Protein backbone atom coordinates (compact mmCIF):
# COMPACT_ATOMS: atom_id res chain seq x y z
CA UNK A 1 -243.42 -137.18 2.34
CA UNK A 2 -240.76 -134.58 3.42
CA UNK A 3 -237.32 -136.06 4.12
CA UNK A 4 -236.65 -134.76 7.59
CA UNK A 5 -233.38 -136.76 8.10
CA UNK A 6 -230.30 -134.53 9.35
CA UNK A 7 -228.08 -133.61 6.07
CA UNK A 8 -224.43 -133.85 6.21
CA UNK A 9 -222.93 -130.00 6.07
CA UNK A 10 -219.37 -130.20 5.14
CA UNK A 11 -217.22 -127.65 7.13
CA UNK A 12 -214.92 -124.87 5.31
CA UNK A 13 -211.96 -126.96 4.88
CA UNK A 14 -213.70 -129.67 2.94
CA UNK A 15 -212.33 -130.40 -0.42
CA UNK A 16 -214.54 -132.36 -3.02
CA UNK A 17 -213.22 -135.32 -4.59
CA UNK A 18 -213.23 -134.03 -8.09
CA UNK A 19 -210.76 -131.16 -6.61
CA UNK A 20 -208.38 -133.51 -4.99
CA UNK A 21 -205.36 -135.32 -6.31
CA UNK A 22 -203.60 -137.95 -4.30
CA UNK A 23 -205.43 -136.56 -1.34
CA UNK A 24 -204.17 -133.00 -1.89
CA UNK A 25 -206.29 -129.88 -2.98
CA UNK A 26 -205.14 -129.38 -6.54
CA UNK A 27 -205.29 -125.76 -6.08
CA UNK A 28 -202.39 -125.66 -3.50
CA UNK A 29 -200.05 -128.04 -5.78
CA UNK A 30 -198.84 -125.43 -8.04
CA UNK A 31 -197.83 -122.72 -5.25
CA UNK A 32 -196.30 -125.63 -3.28
CA UNK A 33 -194.22 -126.52 -6.25
CA UNK A 34 -193.30 -122.90 -6.76
CA UNK A 35 -192.04 -122.66 -3.07
CA UNK A 36 -190.00 -125.89 -3.35
CA UNK A 37 -188.43 -124.67 -6.76
CA UNK A 38 -187.50 -121.27 -5.29
CA UNK A 39 -185.92 -123.11 -2.13
CA UNK A 40 -183.90 -125.51 -4.51
CA UNK A 41 -182.75 -122.47 -6.41
CA UNK A 42 -181.54 -120.37 -3.20
CA UNK A 43 -179.89 -123.52 -1.48
CA UNK A 44 -178.41 -125.58 -4.51
CA UNK A 45 -178.41 -123.75 -7.70
CA UNK A 46 -177.13 -120.36 -6.76
CA UNK A 47 -174.02 -121.75 -4.73
CA UNK A 48 -173.23 -123.77 -7.70
CA UNK A 49 -173.22 -120.63 -9.78
CA UNK A 50 -171.28 -118.83 -7.51
CA UNK A 51 -168.49 -121.41 -7.45
CA UNK A 52 -168.61 -121.67 -11.17
CA UNK A 53 -168.58 -117.66 -11.94
CA UNK A 54 -165.03 -116.16 -12.80
CA UNK A 55 -165.10 -112.77 -11.45
CA UNK A 56 -163.53 -109.86 -13.41
CA UNK A 57 -162.46 -108.00 -10.30
CA UNK A 58 -159.91 -110.31 -8.47
CA UNK A 59 -157.82 -109.32 -5.44
CA UNK A 60 -153.88 -108.79 -6.20
CA UNK A 61 -151.33 -108.38 -3.48
CA UNK A 62 -151.45 -105.24 -1.86
CA UNK A 63 -155.20 -104.70 -2.29
CA UNK A 64 -157.05 -103.30 0.89
CA UNK A 65 -160.95 -102.91 0.84
CA UNK A 66 -162.71 -100.27 2.98
CA UNK A 67 -166.15 -99.85 4.45
CA UNK A 68 -167.71 -97.23 6.23
CA UNK A 69 -166.17 -95.60 9.38
CA UNK A 70 -162.84 -96.14 7.65
CA UNK A 71 -162.73 -99.68 8.57
CA UNK A 72 -160.28 -101.85 6.48
CA UNK A 73 -159.33 -105.40 5.93
CA UNK A 74 -156.84 -107.16 3.75
CA UNK A 75 -158.65 -109.65 1.08
CA UNK A 76 -157.01 -112.86 0.28
CA UNK A 77 -155.24 -112.45 -3.38
CA UNK A 78 -156.96 -114.37 -6.07
CA UNK A 79 -160.57 -114.00 -4.44
CA UNK A 80 -163.07 -112.34 -6.39
CA UNK A 81 -164.76 -108.96 -5.13
CA UNK A 82 -168.34 -108.91 -5.54
CA UNK A 83 -169.16 -105.77 -3.55
CA UNK A 84 -167.21 -102.82 -1.98
CA UNK A 85 -164.29 -100.66 -2.86
CA UNK A 86 -160.76 -100.52 -2.28
CA UNK A 87 -159.14 -97.85 -0.05
CA UNK A 88 -158.72 -94.57 -1.80
CA UNK A 89 -161.87 -94.89 -3.86
CA UNK A 90 -164.41 -93.50 -1.55
CA UNK A 91 -167.84 -92.69 -2.67
CA UNK A 92 -169.26 -89.04 -2.90
CA UNK A 93 -168.91 -87.24 0.44
CA UNK A 94 -165.93 -89.17 1.33
CA UNK A 95 -167.65 -92.14 2.61
CA UNK A 96 -167.27 -95.94 1.98
CA UNK A 97 -170.00 -98.36 1.49
CA UNK A 98 -171.32 -100.07 4.53
CA UNK A 99 -170.25 -103.53 2.96
CA UNK A 100 -167.58 -105.35 1.29
CA UNK A 101 -167.61 -109.18 0.25
CA UNK A 102 -165.32 -111.35 -1.40
CA UNK A 103 -165.61 -114.90 -2.56
CA UNK A 104 -163.58 -117.96 -3.69
CA UNK A 105 -165.55 -120.78 -4.95
CA UNK A 106 -168.36 -121.37 -2.42
CA UNK A 107 -166.67 -119.17 0.32
CA UNK A 108 -168.07 -115.93 1.05
CA UNK A 109 -166.47 -113.33 3.33
CA UNK A 110 -168.32 -110.19 4.07
CA UNK A 111 -167.36 -107.23 6.43
CA UNK A 112 -170.05 -104.69 7.52
CA UNK A 113 -169.92 -101.58 9.57
CA UNK A 114 -172.15 -99.16 11.23
CA UNK A 115 -172.23 -96.83 14.25
CA UNK A 116 -172.72 -98.59 17.40
CA UNK A 117 -172.46 -97.64 20.94
CA UNK A 118 -171.29 -100.44 23.17
CA UNK A 119 -168.47 -103.12 23.31
CA UNK A 120 -167.89 -106.41 21.09
CA UNK A 121 -170.15 -108.63 23.18
CA UNK A 122 -172.93 -106.25 23.21
CA UNK A 123 -172.67 -105.84 19.32
CA UNK A 124 -173.08 -109.87 19.12
CA UNK A 125 -176.01 -109.65 21.43
CA UNK A 126 -177.52 -107.21 19.00
CA UNK A 127 -176.68 -109.32 15.85
CA UNK A 128 -178.08 -112.38 17.72
CA UNK A 129 -181.32 -110.95 18.39
CA UNK A 130 -181.82 -108.89 15.22
CA UNK A 131 -183.78 -110.56 12.54
CA UNK A 132 -182.05 -108.82 9.69
CA UNK A 133 -178.47 -108.76 11.29
CA UNK A 134 -177.29 -111.79 8.87
CA UNK A 135 -179.78 -110.85 5.73
CA UNK A 136 -178.19 -112.07 2.64
CA UNK A 137 -176.32 -115.16 4.18
CA UNK A 138 -179.11 -117.59 3.26
CA UNK A 139 -180.71 -118.21 6.65
CA UNK A 140 -177.41 -118.35 8.77
CA UNK A 141 -177.71 -118.26 12.37
CA UNK A 142 -175.45 -117.94 15.39
CA UNK A 143 -175.02 -121.52 16.90
CA UNK A 144 -171.94 -121.69 18.84
CA UNK A 145 -170.26 -120.22 22.06
CA UNK A 146 -168.24 -116.88 21.83
CA UNK A 147 -164.54 -116.60 22.08
CA UNK A 148 -161.95 -113.84 22.12
CA UNK A 149 -160.26 -113.04 18.97
CA UNK A 150 -157.56 -110.40 18.33
CA UNK A 151 -156.42 -108.53 15.25
CA UNK A 152 -152.98 -107.99 14.07
CA UNK A 153 -153.37 -104.49 15.23
CA UNK A 154 -154.01 -105.71 18.80
CA UNK A 155 -157.65 -104.89 18.91
CA UNK A 156 -160.13 -107.47 20.65
CA UNK A 157 -163.27 -108.81 19.55
CA UNK A 158 -165.50 -111.88 19.91
CA UNK A 159 -165.81 -114.92 17.40
CA UNK A 160 -168.56 -117.55 17.34
CA UNK A 161 -169.60 -120.17 15.03
CA UNK A 162 -172.86 -119.96 12.66
CA UNK A 163 -174.78 -122.28 10.58
CA UNK A 164 -177.34 -122.55 8.00
CA UNK A 165 -179.48 -125.01 6.15
CA UNK A 166 -176.51 -126.00 4.11
CA UNK A 167 -173.71 -123.71 5.24
CA UNK A 168 -171.37 -123.42 8.07
CA UNK A 169 -168.85 -120.46 9.23
CA UNK A 170 -167.64 -117.90 11.54
CA UNK A 171 -168.77 -114.54 12.73
CA UNK A 172 -166.61 -112.24 14.23
CA UNK A 173 -167.74 -108.59 15.88
CA UNK A 174 -165.56 -105.70 16.62
CA UNK A 175 -166.09 -102.11 18.07
CA UNK A 176 -163.62 -99.52 16.83
CA UNK A 177 -164.42 -96.22 18.39
CA UNK A 178 -167.96 -95.37 17.62
CA UNK A 179 -168.33 -98.00 14.91
CA UNK A 180 -169.09 -101.69 15.14
CA UNK A 181 -167.96 -104.23 12.62
CA UNK A 182 -169.59 -107.45 11.78
CA UNK A 183 -167.45 -110.24 9.60
CA UNK A 184 -169.21 -113.17 8.44
CA UNK A 185 -167.57 -116.11 6.56
CA UNK A 186 -169.89 -118.90 5.19
CA UNK A 187 -169.19 -121.77 3.06
CA UNK A 188 -171.10 -125.14 2.10
CA UNK A 189 -171.16 -127.71 4.74
CA UNK A 190 -169.32 -130.14 2.31
CA UNK A 191 -166.29 -127.74 1.98
CA UNK A 192 -165.06 -128.99 5.46
CA UNK A 193 -162.88 -125.99 6.32
CA UNK A 194 -161.16 -125.48 3.06
CA UNK A 195 -160.38 -121.83 3.44
CA UNK A 196 -160.33 -121.50 7.49
CA UNK A 197 -156.78 -120.01 7.43
CA UNK A 198 -157.69 -117.47 4.73
CA UNK A 199 -160.79 -116.54 6.66
CA UNK A 200 -158.78 -116.07 9.71
CA UNK A 201 -156.11 -113.95 8.08
CA UNK A 202 -158.86 -111.55 6.60
CA UNK A 203 -160.45 -111.30 10.17
CA UNK A 204 -156.99 -110.53 11.65
CA UNK A 205 -156.37 -107.67 9.25
CA UNK A 206 -159.60 -105.96 10.24
CA UNK A 207 -158.69 -102.37 11.61
CA UNK A 208 -160.06 -98.87 11.53
CA UNK A 209 -157.52 -96.73 9.55
CA UNK A 210 -158.29 -93.03 9.33
CA UNK A 211 -155.93 -92.74 6.35
CA UNK A 212 -158.49 -94.83 4.38
CA UNK A 213 -160.47 -91.79 4.11
CA UNK A 214 -157.96 -89.55 2.70
């Protein structure tokens, strides 16, 4: 006789017992471990390496770094310069690079500039809504209310708090003429504001100096 009883037909997501380990599809274990390993390297290993590296190019008193648009700031002596150039060392064509970064231990301070039309609040709005605005800052996002910040040269901007999975910091936005400037400082959450004063001094030193392009 022919067996006419209905047969069980598993759906497409069914994983046979011989291909499971602890209830998981063995094919997905290796890719998952790779993702966890990369996340561990990005959030734990790299910050540790950053804090342990001795930088060859260190800031000395009197150094001034410049970015595109002849925007300058005074980095803290003793910090390491990981990108950017000093005033008077413009690239080919007389332009400065769009970014400069200095570090001290686990603290990173980056200044970026680019052409922009609008005021500092509009720039901060754009930064908040642009996915890549804080690229390179390990998932940092704006989290706080904005307040007014004034530089040593009397220029006003806006300041807000930022945070990431394992970091905290501040972001300042300024507009000098037709250039927008973003300054971001981040540090591991365990540092508890170890360089807050230094960061605020560097933010306060930001200005547009036409002589920087000479």
